[in-house]
Amino acid sequence: MKFHLVTILIFVGSVARIQADLFASTENLQHVLLLERQMARVLDEVLKTMETKLDYLKTYLKEYYRLSYAISNMRSHDDYSEFIENPLHVFHMIKRLAIEWSGIRRMMLENEWNHAEDIIHSEENLMPHDEDLQGAALALIRLQYTYNLNASDMAQGRLLGINSVSRLTARDCLYLGKQAFNNGYYGHAIEWFEEAMSRAKLENNQTAPVEEITPFLDIAIKIHDDVLEGNHMKNFAYETLGHLVRDTGNTRRLRQNLSTEMKLRRTDTGNFDYENYAALCRGEKLQTPRDEVHLRCRYTSRGHPYLILQPVKVEEQSLDPYIVQFHDLMTSQEADTFQEVATPMLIRSRVQGQNNLEDEVSTVRTSKTAWLTSKDHPIVDRISRRVQYVTGLSTDVNNGHCETVQTSNYGVGGHYEPHYDYLYFGKTEEQRKFIPPNELEVGDRIATLMFYLTDVTRGGATVFPKVGASVWPSKGSAAFWYNLKKNGSENSLTLHGACPVLYGRKWVANYWIREKGQMLRRPCSLNQEE
């Protein structure tokens, strides 16, 4: 889902395109966590050293002021002879200036921050920047929208029953409101600005004063209502409360009363499946009993000798299109090995561009990927053969029957908006000119098999909004579906998306199987409906 970026520069100065990488992978975040832990140890040493310095300065000043008090009680403030005539006073004065001041000067010139600066410089690629913060904030908004989370609960560290020690300040809520507004989540922007107001009062304006928050709330309400009245944004997607907010007298109460009615309001008609996508991510049932009555769970050899003694567990999620989940197709150790091999090679995930078909970084997908071959580890060959046994399709990468295995790690709120896996259908003649001849030779992606390399505590399902099917992550299992019909045409019902990861880690490994080499394995059909 792409929300329109509204021109309201007073909110955050400017809206930067999210291109930073740290929030796109939980593996990156583990390294950031270790970096901060190291920095905390360094800061602890810095603090101890600074406290020692302060104690030294306090001791010096205490002795000086003790003697100064003695001077002030002398006969005349202008007559220091009595002080100077006392050799003990003189000795201490000279000692302080000759010895202690020299020590103070040397001590204060020492820079304890150098060690911390060295660490920061050596790990510059792990230090977050503004774009990372914006990406993390937008991930929270996306999670809030998808899973119907309450801003007050989130501010208090609660995520769908999981409690956290993390709390959000009024300043944090104000920032989230700005990001929500600038990305078209107008209803949520109002909610976050209201939460910021509540937090500011509880904090006695400590992190953000009410006077600073109020103008943002007023502007958000105005734009929100203008949009609903059709005065702005006629060709873009946005989220609202579904009702006008101005002149209600109590926006918070209205917000709570309408929380179940929040809709994604669109005037473009191409993306109505997003509401189904969000509902399926929340675990809502969209299939009717009539849809589910023919779905089965069973053991099968899939017609291959390898599987006779160890049949595969199949759970059908849909028959049209054919979507199944193979359980225990990979062992836990094999899944861990995939992650270990892929981790050093992770780069930011890219998607195919709209105009020239070149890959580009996009906010519709927040993850990092690595491309694995048998040269990287023998396990790739072993699993590829297993995929061939259960699908009946060739996974010969060398001859173009299958793409190199894509292994992905999702980050904060990691998701992939609803999309198709087939590549060439719907492309214009101009766009087809950019397709390399070798790509045309191997054909389109006839099928997809996606391994789940981890369990996910909350969220992270793969959902098919046009048919109401959901596949939930289970370590070692795999989702499988055909992107193309038997007659070679695209199956538009295979629109699917990866739900945001609300809590936990998500790793997947994708096998995209091409048309080449499948002629005798999946015979063509002349039936236009198949």
Protein backbone atom coordinates (compact mmCIF):
# COMPACT_ATOMS: atom_id res chain seq x y z
CA MET A 1 0.00 0.00 0.00
CA LYS A 2 1.40 3.39 -0.95
CA PHE A 3 0.13 6.38 0.96
CA HIS A 4 0.48 9.79 -0.60
CA LEU A 5 3.10 12.08 0.94
CA VAL A 6 1.34 15.30 1.91
CA THR A 7 3.15 18.61 1.60
CA ILE A 8 3.22 19.77 5.18
CA LEU A 9 6.85 20.59 5.69
CA ILE A 10 6.29 22.31 9.03
CA PHE A 11 5.78 18.88 10.54
CA VAL A 12 9.18 17.35 10.06
CA GLY A 13 11.07 19.84 7.94
CA SER A 14 11.02 17.52 4.96
CA VAL A 15 9.89 14.01 4.24
CA ALA A 16 12.90 11.93 3.25
CA ARG A 17 12.49 8.81 1.19
CA ILE A 18 13.28 5.86 3.42
CA GLN A 19 16.46 4.34 2.05
CA ALA A 20 18.27 3.49 5.25
CA ASP A 21 18.89 -0.16 5.95
CA LEU A 22 19.06 -0.72 9.70
CA PHE A 23 15.34 -1.18 10.31
CA ALA A 24 15.00 -3.57 7.34
CA SER A 25 16.55 -6.61 9.01
CA THR A 26 16.46 -8.09 12.51
CA GLU A 27 20.00 -9.38 11.96
CA ASN A 28 21.17 -5.77 11.52
CA LEU A 29 19.31 -4.80 14.66
CA GLN A 30 21.12 -7.47 16.67
CA HIS A 31 24.43 -5.89 15.64
CA VAL A 32 23.09 -2.45 16.59
CA LEU A 33 22.04 -3.83 19.97
CA LEU A 34 25.54 -5.21 20.57
CA LEU A 35 27.04 -1.89 19.46
CA GLU A 36 24.87 0.03 21.93
CA ARG A 37 25.81 -2.43 24.68
CA GLN A 38 29.49 -1.79 23.92
CA MET A 39 28.86 1.96 23.85
CA ALA A 40 27.08 1.74 27.21
CA ARG A 41 30.13 0.06 28.75
CA VAL A 42 32.35 2.82 27.36
CA LEU A 43 29.97 5.50 28.64
CA ASP A 44 30.01 3.85 32.06
CA GLU A 45 33.79 4.18 32.13
CA VAL A 46 33.53 7.78 30.92
CA LEU A 47 31.03 8.52 33.67
CA LYS A 48 33.24 6.99 36.35
CA THR A 49 36.22 9.00 35.13
CA MET A 50 34.20 12.21 35.04
CA GLU A 51 32.86 11.53 38.53
CA THR A 52 36.46 11.08 39.73
CA LYS A 53 37.32 14.42 38.15
CA LEU A 54 34.35 16.11 39.76
CA ASP A 55 35.28 14.67 43.14
CA TYR A 56 38.80 16.01 42.71
CA LEU A 57 37.51 19.48 41.80
CA LYS A 58 35.08 19.46 44.72
CA THR A 59 37.92 18.56 47.11
CA TYR A 60 40.05 21.39 45.75
CA LEU A 61 37.23 23.94 46.03
CA LYS A 62 36.25 22.73 49.49
CA GLU A 63 39.77 23.34 50.78
CA TYR A 64 40.00 26.69 49.00
CA TYR A 65 36.68 27.98 50.35
CA ARG A 66 37.59 26.78 53.87
CA LEU A 67 40.66 28.94 53.79
CA SER A 68 38.81 31.76 52.02
CA TYR A 69 36.36 31.77 54.91
CA ALA A 70 39.28 32.20 57.26
CA ILE A 71 40.48 35.14 55.18
CA SER A 72 37.06 36.78 55.27
CA ASN A 73 37.17 36.78 59.07
CA MET A 74 40.44 38.71 59.18
CA ARG A 75 40.63 42.29 60.39
CA SER A 76 40.48 43.82 56.91
CA HIS A 77 39.46 42.31 53.62
CA ASP A 78 42.15 44.38 51.98
CA ASP A 79 44.86 43.28 54.39
CA TYR A 80 46.13 39.80 53.52
CA SER A 81 49.31 40.14 55.54
CA GLU A 82 48.02 37.92 58.33
CA PHE A 83 47.36 35.17 55.77
CA ILE A 84 50.68 35.59 54.01
CA GLU A 85 52.60 35.80 57.25
CA ASN A 86 51.43 32.31 58.15
CA PRO A 87 53.82 29.88 56.45
CA LEU A 88 51.24 27.07 56.54
CA HIS A 89 48.74 29.18 54.58
CA VAL A 90 51.42 30.05 52.05
CA PHE A 91 52.54 26.43 51.75
CA HIS A 92 49.00 25.24 50.98
CA MET A 93 48.40 28.06 48.49
CA ILE A 94 51.60 27.32 46.62
CA LYS A 95 50.91 23.58 46.73
CA ARG A 96 47.47 24.09 45.23
CA LEU A 97 48.72 26.28 42.41
CA ALA A 98 52.00 24.49 41.73
CA ILE A 99 50.90 20.89 42.13
CA GLU A 100 47.13 20.54 42.28
CA TRP A 101 46.35 23.03 39.51
CA SER A 102 48.88 21.31 37.30
CA GLY A 103 47.13 18.02 38.02
CA ILE A 104 43.71 19.55 37.41
CA ARG A 105 44.82 21.01 34.10
CA ARG A 106 46.35 17.73 32.96
CA MET A 107 43.28 15.81 34.12
CA MET A 108 40.81 18.13 32.37
CA LEU A 109 42.76 18.01 29.11
CA GLU A 110 42.39 14.25 28.99
CA ASN A 111 39.55 13.33 26.61
CA GLU A 112 37.71 10.22 27.76
CA TRP A 113 35.39 10.53 24.76
CA ASN A 114 38.15 9.48 22.34
CA HIS A 115 37.48 5.78 22.98
CA ALA A 116 33.77 6.21 22.31
CA GLU A 117 34.55 8.24 19.19
CA ASP A 118 36.84 5.48 17.93
CA ILE A 119 34.05 2.91 18.31
CA ILE A 120 31.53 5.15 16.56
CA HIS A 121 33.94 5.77 13.69
CA SER A 122 34.76 2.07 13.28
CA GLU A 123 31.08 1.08 13.30
CA GLU A 124 29.71 4.02 11.35
CA ASN A 125 27.59 1.74 9.17
CA LEU A 126 25.69 0.55 12.26
CA MET A 127 24.93 3.99 13.66
CA PRO A 128 21.26 4.89 12.90
CA HIS A 129 20.40 8.08 11.05
CA ASP A 130 17.24 10.15 10.59
CA GLU A 131 16.07 7.87 7.77
CA ASP A 132 16.31 4.84 10.07
CA LEU A 133 14.21 6.59 12.70
CA GLN A 134 11.61 7.54 10.10
CA GLY A 135 11.56 3.95 8.84
CA ALA A 136 11.10 2.57 12.36
CA ALA A 137 8.34 5.09 13.11
CA LEU A 138 6.51 4.26 9.88
CA ALA A 139 6.81 0.57 10.77
CA LEU A 140 5.03 1.25 14.08
CA ILE A 141 2.25 3.10 12.24
CA ARG A 142 1.93 0.24 9.75
CA LEU A 143 1.68 -2.26 12.60
CA GLN A 144 -0.89 -0.08 14.34
CA TYR A 145 -3.02 0.12 11.21
CA THR A 146 -2.75 -3.53 10.23
CA TYR A 147 -3.38 -5.00 13.67
CA ASN A 148 -5.82 -2.36 15.00
CA LEU A 149 -3.49 -1.43 17.84
CA ASN A 150 -4.45 1.26 20.33
CA ALA A 151 -2.06 4.21 20.60
CA SER A 152 -2.43 4.38 24.39
CA ASP A 153 -1.56 0.70 24.73
CA MET A 154 1.46 1.15 22.46
CA ALA A 155 2.59 4.19 24.43
CA GLN A 156 2.45 2.08 27.60
CA GLY A 157 4.48 -0.72 26.01
CA ARG A 158 1.66 -3.18 25.24
CA LEU A 159 1.46 -5.01 21.89
CA LEU A 160 -1.44 -7.46 21.59
CA GLY A 161 -1.02 -8.79 25.08
CA ILE A 162 2.79 -8.65 25.12
CA ASN A 163 4.05 -6.19 27.73
CA SER A 164 7.30 -4.30 27.37
CA VAL A 165 9.37 -2.03 29.60
CA SER A 166 9.53 0.47 26.71
CA ARG A 167 7.32 3.52 27.08
CA LEU A 168 6.65 6.41 24.71
CA THR A 169 6.94 10.01 25.84
CA ALA A 170 4.82 12.91 24.63
CA ARG A 171 7.68 13.82 22.27
CA ASP A 172 7.72 10.26 20.89
CA CYS A 173 3.95 10.34 20.29
CA LEU A 174 4.24 13.73 18.61
CA TYR A 175 6.89 12.35 16.25
CA LEU A 176 4.75 9.30 15.41
CA GLY A 177 1.82 11.61 14.71
CA LYS A 178 3.93 13.61 12.26
CA GLN A 179 5.06 10.47 10.45
CA ALA A 180 1.50 9.11 10.34
CA PHE A 181 0.23 12.37 8.86
CA ASN A 182 2.93 12.64 6.23
CA ASN A 183 2.23 9.11 5.04
CA GLY A 184 -1.54 9.48 4.71
CA TYR A 185 -2.63 7.83 7.98
CA TYR A 186 -4.79 10.78 9.00
CA GLY A 187 -6.93 8.92 11.53
CA HIS A 188 -3.88 7.54 13.26
CA ALA A 189 -2.18 10.95 13.16
CA ILE A 190 -5.09 12.40 15.14
CA GLU A 191 -4.86 9.52 17.61
CA TRP A 192 -1.12 10.03 18.15
CA PHE A 193 -1.45 13.80 18.56
CA GLU A 194 -4.19 13.23 21.15
CA GLU A 195 -2.01 10.70 22.93
CA ALA A 196 0.84 13.22 22.87
CA MET A 197 -1.49 15.75 24.54
CA SER A 198 -2.38 13.25 27.27
CA ARG A 199 1.26 12.33 27.84
CA ALA A 200 2.30 16.00 27.95
CA LYS A 201 -0.19 16.64 30.76
CA LEU A 202 0.97 13.58 32.68
CA GLU A 203 4.61 14.64 32.25
CA ASN A 204 3.88 18.28 33.15
CA ASN A 205 5.12 19.29 29.68
CA GLN A 206 8.54 17.80 30.38
CA THR A 207 9.29 16.33 26.90
CA ALA A 208 6.80 18.23 24.73
CA PRO A 209 4.47 21.05 25.86
CA VAL A 210 0.76 21.02 25.09
CA GLU A 211 1.17 24.36 23.28
CA GLU A 212 3.53 22.73 20.76
CA ILE A 213 1.24 19.75 20.11
CA THR A 214 -2.08 21.60 19.72
CA PRO A 215 -1.34 23.18 16.29
CA PHE A 216 -0.42 19.80 14.84
CA LEU A 217 -3.65 18.24 16.11
CA ASP A 218 -5.68 21.13 14.68
CA ILE A 219 -4.03 20.84 11.24
CA ALA A 220 -4.46 17.06 11.20
CA ILE A 221 -8.18 17.38 11.96
CA LYS A 222 -8.60 20.01 9.25
CA ILE A 223 -6.84 18.00 6.55
CA HIS A 224 -8.57 14.79 7.66
CA ASP A 225 -12.01 16.39 7.29
CA ASP A 226 -11.12 18.18 4.06
CA VAL A 227 -10.10 14.84 2.57
CA LEU A 228 -13.38 13.21 3.59
CA GLU A 229 -15.30 16.10 2.07
CA GLY A 230 -13.44 15.61 -1.19
CA ASN A 231 -11.44 18.83 -1.09
CA HIS A 232 -8.03 17.16 -1.33
CA MET A 233 -6.27 14.00 -2.46
CA LYS A 234 -8.77 12.76 -5.03
CA ASN A 235 -6.49 10.18 -6.61
CA PHE A 236 -4.52 8.83 -3.70
CA ALA A 237 -4.91 6.40 -0.83
CA TYR A 238 -5.37 7.55 2.73
CA GLU A 239 -6.70 6.32 6.04
CA THR A 240 -9.40 8.16 8.00
CA LEU A 241 -11.79 7.69 10.89
CA GLY A 242 -14.67 7.48 8.42
CA HIS A 243 -16.45 10.51 9.91
CA LEU A 244 -15.75 14.22 10.22
CA VAL A 245 -13.91 15.21 13.39
CA ARG A 246 -14.13 18.99 13.55
CA ASP A 247 -16.72 20.58 15.80
CA THR A 248 -17.24 17.35 17.78
CA GLY A 249 -16.03 18.90 21.02
CA ASN A 250 -14.25 15.70 22.04
CA THR A 251 -12.09 14.13 19.37
CA ARG A 252 -10.72 11.46 21.71
CA ARG A 253 -14.19 10.16 22.57
CA LEU A 254 -15.15 10.22 18.90
CA ARG A 255 -11.95 8.36 18.06
CA GLN A 256 -12.76 5.61 20.56
CA ASN A 257 -16.37 5.32 19.40
CA LEU A 258 -15.32 4.94 15.78
CA SER A 259 -12.30 2.71 16.30
CA THR A 260 -14.09 -0.30 14.82
CA GLU A 261 -15.22 1.71 11.80
CA MET A 262 -11.83 2.91 10.64
CA LYS A 263 -11.52 2.32 6.90
CA LEU A 264 -8.96 2.73 4.22
CA ARG A 265 -10.70 5.29 2.02
CA ARG A 266 -9.63 5.26 -1.61
CA THR A 267 -10.80 6.92 -4.75
CA ASP A 268 -8.55 4.82 -6.96
CA THR A 269 -10.18 1.45 -7.55
CA GLY A 270 -7.15 -0.74 -8.10
CA ASN A 271 -6.32 -1.70 -4.53
CA PHE A 272 -9.48 -2.69 -2.70
CA ASP A 273 -7.79 -5.96 -1.69
CA TYR A 274 -5.76 -4.13 0.93
CA GLU A 275 -8.59 -4.28 3.46
CA ASN A 276 -8.77 -8.05 2.98
CA TYR A 277 -4.99 -8.19 3.34
CA ALA A 278 -5.11 -6.38 6.70
CA ALA A 279 -8.04 -8.49 7.93
CA LEU A 280 -6.24 -11.72 7.07
CA CYS A 281 -3.09 -10.46 8.79
CA ARG A 282 -5.16 -10.01 11.95
CA GLY A 283 -6.29 -13.62 11.70
CA GLU A 284 -9.84 -12.86 10.59
CA LYS A 285 -11.65 -15.54 8.62
CA LEU A 286 -12.72 -14.52 5.12
CA GLN A 287 -13.35 -17.97 3.70
CA THR A 288 -16.84 -19.34 4.20
CA PRO A 289 -17.54 -22.88 5.49
CA ARG A 290 -18.45 -23.74 1.90
CA ASP A 291 -14.97 -22.61 0.82
CA GLU A 292 -13.26 -24.67 3.53
CA VAL A 293 -15.30 -27.86 3.36
CA HIS A 294 -13.16 -29.38 0.58
CA LEU A 295 -9.79 -28.42 2.10
CA ARG A 296 -7.81 -31.34 3.51
CA CYS A 297 -4.73 -32.11 5.62
CA ARG A 298 -2.99 -35.31 4.61
CA TYR A 299 0.24 -37.25 4.12
CA THR A 300 1.31 -37.84 0.52
CA SER A 301 4.29 -39.15 -1.43
CA ARG A 302 3.49 -36.74 -4.27
CA GLY A 303 4.19 -39.65 -6.62
CA HIS A 304 7.93 -39.66 -5.90
CA PRO A 305 9.86 -42.70 -4.56
CA TYR A 306 11.90 -40.51 -2.21
CA LEU A 307 8.73 -39.63 -0.27
CA ILE A 308 7.29 -43.14 0.06
CA LEU A 309 9.00 -43.84 3.38
CA GLN A 310 8.85 -40.23 4.54
CA PRO A 311 5.66 -38.73 3.09
CA VAL A 312 5.21 -34.99 3.21
CA LYS A 313 2.56 -33.34 5.38
CA VAL A 314 0.23 -31.23 3.22
CA GLU A 315 -2.27 -28.67 4.49
CA GLU A 316 -4.49 -27.22 1.76
CA GLN A 317 -5.32 -23.54 2.12
CA SER A 318 -7.07 -23.07 -1.23
CA LEU A 319 -7.96 -25.23 -4.24
CA ASP A 320 -8.46 -22.40 -6.75
CA PRO A 321 -5.78 -21.19 -6.91
CA TYR A 322 -3.94 -24.21 -5.51
CA ILE A 323 -2.23 -23.04 -2.28
CA VAL A 324 -0.79 -25.51 0.23
CA GLN A 325 1.55 -25.55 3.19
CA PHE A 326 4.10 -28.37 3.40
CA HIS A 327 4.89 -28.99 7.07
CA ASP A 328 8.30 -30.15 8.37
CA LEU A 329 9.83 -29.97 4.91
CA MET A 330 13.06 -28.68 6.43
CA THR A 331 14.61 -29.56 9.80
CA SER A 332 15.26 -26.91 12.41
CA GLN A 333 19.01 -27.36 11.96
CA GLU A 334 18.72 -26.94 8.18
CA ALA A 335 16.71 -23.75 8.68
CA ASP A 336 19.37 -22.41 11.05
CA THR A 337 22.09 -23.24 8.54
CA PHE A 338 20.30 -21.28 5.83
CA GLN A 339 20.23 -18.25 8.13
CA GLU A 340 23.89 -18.61 9.09
CA VAL A 341 25.03 -18.85 5.48
CA ALA A 342 22.85 -15.94 4.34
CA THR A 343 23.58 -13.48 7.17
CA PRO A 344 26.97 -12.17 5.94
CA MET A 345 25.53 -11.61 2.45
CA LEU A 346 22.35 -9.72 3.37
CA ILE A 347 21.59 -6.58 1.36
CA ARG A 348 18.46 -4.41 1.23
CA SER A 349 15.61 -6.10 -0.69
CA ARG A 350 14.78 -4.65 -4.09
CA VAL A 351 11.71 -4.84 -6.29
CA GLN A 352 11.23 -4.49 -10.03
CA GLY A 353 10.80 -0.89 -11.17
CA GLN A 354 7.70 0.24 -13.02
CA ASN A 355 9.33 1.90 -16.00
CA ASN A 356 12.59 0.23 -16.97
CA LEU A 357 12.12 -3.04 -15.00
CA GLU A 358 15.40 -2.49 -13.16
CA ASP A 359 15.49 -3.49 -9.51
CA GLU A 360 15.12 -0.66 -7.01
CA VAL A 361 14.82 -0.22 -3.24
CA SER A 362 11.21 0.30 -2.25
CA THR A 363 9.23 0.92 0.92
CA VAL A 364 6.59 -1.62 -0.16
CA ARG A 365 9.04 -4.27 1.02
CA THR A 366 11.12 -3.93 4.16
CA SER A 367 13.59 -6.78 4.41
CA LYS A 368 17.14 -7.78 3.52
CA THR A 369 18.02 -10.61 1.17
CA ALA A 370 20.85 -12.89 0.16
CA TRP A 371 21.01 -15.10 -2.93
CA LEU A 372 22.30 -18.60 -2.19
CA THR A 373 23.72 -21.23 -4.52
CA SER A 374 25.23 -24.68 -3.99
CA LYS A 375 28.64 -22.98 -4.07
CA ASP A 376 27.76 -21.19 -0.84
CA HIS A 377 26.81 -24.37 1.04
CA PRO A 378 25.96 -28.00 0.14
CA ILE A 379 22.62 -27.65 1.95
CA VAL A 380 21.27 -25.58 -0.96
CA ASP A 381 21.53 -28.57 -3.32
CA ARG A 382 19.97 -30.89 -0.76
CA ILE A 383 16.96 -28.66 -0.17
CA SER A 384 16.58 -27.92 -3.91
CA ARG A 385 16.25 -31.64 -4.62
CA ARG A 386 13.64 -31.91 -1.87
CA VAL A 387 11.67 -29.03 -3.40
CA GLN A 388 11.75 -30.87 -6.73
CA TYR A 389 10.40 -34.05 -5.10
CA VAL A 390 7.41 -32.38 -3.41
CA THR A 391 6.46 -29.99 -6.25
CA GLY A 392 7.18 -32.29 -9.18
CA LEU A 393 8.88 -29.33 -10.87
CA SER A 394 12.50 -28.97 -11.90
CA THR A 395 14.66 -26.77 -9.68
CA ASP A 396 17.74 -26.92 -11.92
CA VAL A 397 19.27 -23.46 -11.46
CA ASN A 398 22.14 -24.04 -13.91
CA ASN A 399 19.72 -24.58 -16.82
CA GLY A 400 17.37 -21.75 -15.86
CA HIS A 401 14.56 -23.93 -14.52
CA CYS A 402 14.64 -22.11 -11.18
CA GLU A 403 16.06 -18.86 -9.86
CA THR A 404 18.84 -18.68 -7.31
CA VAL A 405 17.41 -19.19 -3.82
CA GLN A 406 16.45 -15.88 -2.26
CA THR A 407 16.81 -15.86 1.53
CA SER A 408 15.23 -12.88 3.30
CA ASN A 409 15.24 -11.47 6.82
CA TYR A 410 12.46 -9.05 7.74
CA GLY A 411 13.07 -6.11 10.05
CA VAL A 412 10.95 -3.80 12.25
CA GLY A 413 7.38 -4.23 11.07
CA GLY A 414 8.88 -6.15 8.11
CA HIS A 415 6.32 -6.66 5.38
CA TYR A 416 5.74 -7.00 1.64
CA GLU A 417 2.61 -5.36 0.32
CA PRO A 418 0.18 -7.39 -1.86
CA HIS A 419 1.84 -8.26 -5.17
CA TYR A 420 2.16 -10.95 -7.81
CA ASP A 421 5.19 -13.18 -8.30
CA TYR A 422 4.77 -13.49 -12.07
CA LEU A 423 6.91 -10.99 -13.91
CA TYR A 424 5.79 -10.28 -17.46
CA PHE A 425 2.00 -10.15 -17.57
CA GLY A 426 0.57 -6.68 -17.71
CA LYS A 427 3.80 -5.19 -19.05
CA THR A 428 3.57 -2.78 -21.97
CA GLU A 429 5.51 -3.30 -25.17
CA GLU A 430 7.83 -0.49 -24.11
CA GLN A 431 8.53 -2.23 -20.80
CA ARG A 432 9.09 -5.59 -22.51
CA LYS A 433 11.95 -4.07 -24.50
CA PHE A 434 13.98 -3.93 -21.29
CA ILE A 435 13.57 -7.65 -20.52
CA PRO A 436 16.89 -9.43 -21.24
CA PRO A 437 16.66 -12.19 -23.89
CA ASN A 438 17.89 -14.83 -21.43
CA GLU A 439 15.03 -13.92 -19.09
CA LEU A 440 12.48 -14.33 -21.86
CA GLU A 441 14.03 -17.69 -22.71
CA VAL A 442 13.45 -19.17 -19.24
CA GLY A 443 9.90 -17.85 -19.13
CA ASP A 444 7.83 -16.53 -16.28
CA ARG A 445 7.59 -17.80 -12.72
CA ILE A 446 5.28 -20.78 -13.00
CA ALA A 447 5.26 -21.45 -9.24
CA THR A 448 6.56 -20.25 -5.87
CA LEU A 449 7.73 -22.30 -2.89
CA MET A 450 8.60 -20.28 0.19
CA PHE A 451 10.25 -21.80 3.25
CA TYR A 452 9.71 -20.34 6.71
CA LEU A 453 13.08 -20.49 8.47
CA THR A 454 11.75 -19.25 11.83
CA ASP A 455 8.61 -19.19 13.89
CA VAL A 456 7.09 -15.72 14.36
CA THR A 457 5.59 -14.82 17.74
CA ARG A 458 3.02 -12.33 16.38
CA GLY A 459 2.16 -11.54 12.75
CA GLY A 460 4.22 -12.36 9.67
CA ALA A 461 1.63 -14.47 7.83
CA THR A 462 1.51 -14.82 4.04
CA VAL A 463 -2.01 -13.95 2.94
CA PHE A 464 -3.96 -14.11 -0.33
CA PRO A 465 -6.59 -11.35 -0.15
CA LYS A 466 -8.49 -12.33 -3.30
CA VAL A 467 -9.27 -15.83 -2.00
CA GLY A 468 -9.12 -15.30 1.77
CA ALA A 469 -6.31 -17.83 2.35
CA SER A 470 -3.60 -17.45 4.99
CA VAL A 471 -0.36 -19.34 5.61
CA TRP A 472 1.15 -18.77 9.05
CA PRO A 473 4.91 -19.08 9.63
CA SER A 474 6.05 -22.38 11.11
CA LYS A 475 9.76 -23.13 11.18
CA GLY A 476 10.67 -25.71 8.56
CA SER A 477 7.35 -25.51 6.69
CA ALA A 478 6.84 -24.09 3.20
CA ALA A 479 4.02 -22.37 1.32
CA PHE A 480 3.52 -23.43 -2.30
CA TRP A 481 1.30 -22.12 -5.10
CA TYR A 482 1.15 -21.86 -8.89
CA ASN A 483 1.43 -18.32 -10.26
CA LEU A 484 0.38 -19.38 -13.76
CA LYS A 485 -2.55 -21.43 -14.95
CA LYS A 486 -1.95 -24.61 -16.97
CA ASN A 487 -2.78 -22.71 -20.14
CA GLY A 488 0.18 -20.39 -19.45
CA SER A 489 -1.82 -17.30 -18.51
CA GLU A 490 -1.41 -15.46 -15.22
CA ASN A 491 -3.57 -16.40 -12.24
CA SER A 492 -4.70 -13.05 -10.83
CA LEU A 493 -6.09 -14.77 -7.74
CA THR A 494 -2.53 -15.39 -6.51
CA LEU A 495 -2.17 -11.80 -5.29
CA HIS A 496 -0.40 -12.19 -1.96
CA GLY A 497 1.43 -10.19 0.67
CA ALA A 498 3.66 -10.70 3.68
CA CYS A 499 2.01 -9.36 6.83
CA PRO A 500 4.06 -7.04 9.04
CA VAL A 501 6.05 -8.76 11.78
CA LEU A 502 4.51 -7.47 14.99
CA TYR A 503 6.76 -9.34 17.39
CA GLY A 504 9.58 -11.78 16.70
CA ARG A 505 11.97 -12.69 13.88
CA LYS A 506 11.06 -13.76 10.37
CA TRP A 507 13.32 -15.48 7.86
CA VAL A 508 12.14 -16.99 4.58
CA ALA A 509 13.77 -18.72 1.60
CA ASN A 510 12.08 -18.38 -1.79
CA TYR A 511 12.23 -20.81 -4.70
CA TRP A 512 10.87 -19.12 -7.82
CA ILE A 513 10.40 -21.85 -10.42
CA ARG A 514 10.43 -20.82 -14.09
CA GLU A 515 8.47 -22.19 -17.06
CA LYS A 516 11.55 -23.61 -18.77
CA GLY A 517 12.05 -27.28 -18.02
CA GLN A 518 8.50 -27.88 -16.76
CA MET A 519 6.85 -28.88 -20.06
CA LEU A 520 6.60 -32.58 -19.20
CA ARG A 521 6.29 -32.00 -15.47
CA ARG A 522 3.24 -29.74 -15.66
CA PRO A 523 1.59 -30.29 -19.06
CA CYS A 524 -0.12 -27.36 -20.73
CA SER A 525 -3.88 -27.12 -21.07
CA LEU A 526 -5.97 -25.63 -23.87
CA ASN A 527 -8.78 -24.90 -21.41
CA GLN A 528 -8.94 -21.15 -20.94
CA GLU A 529 -10.21 -21.61 -17.39
CA GLU A 530 -7.32 -23.81 -16.20
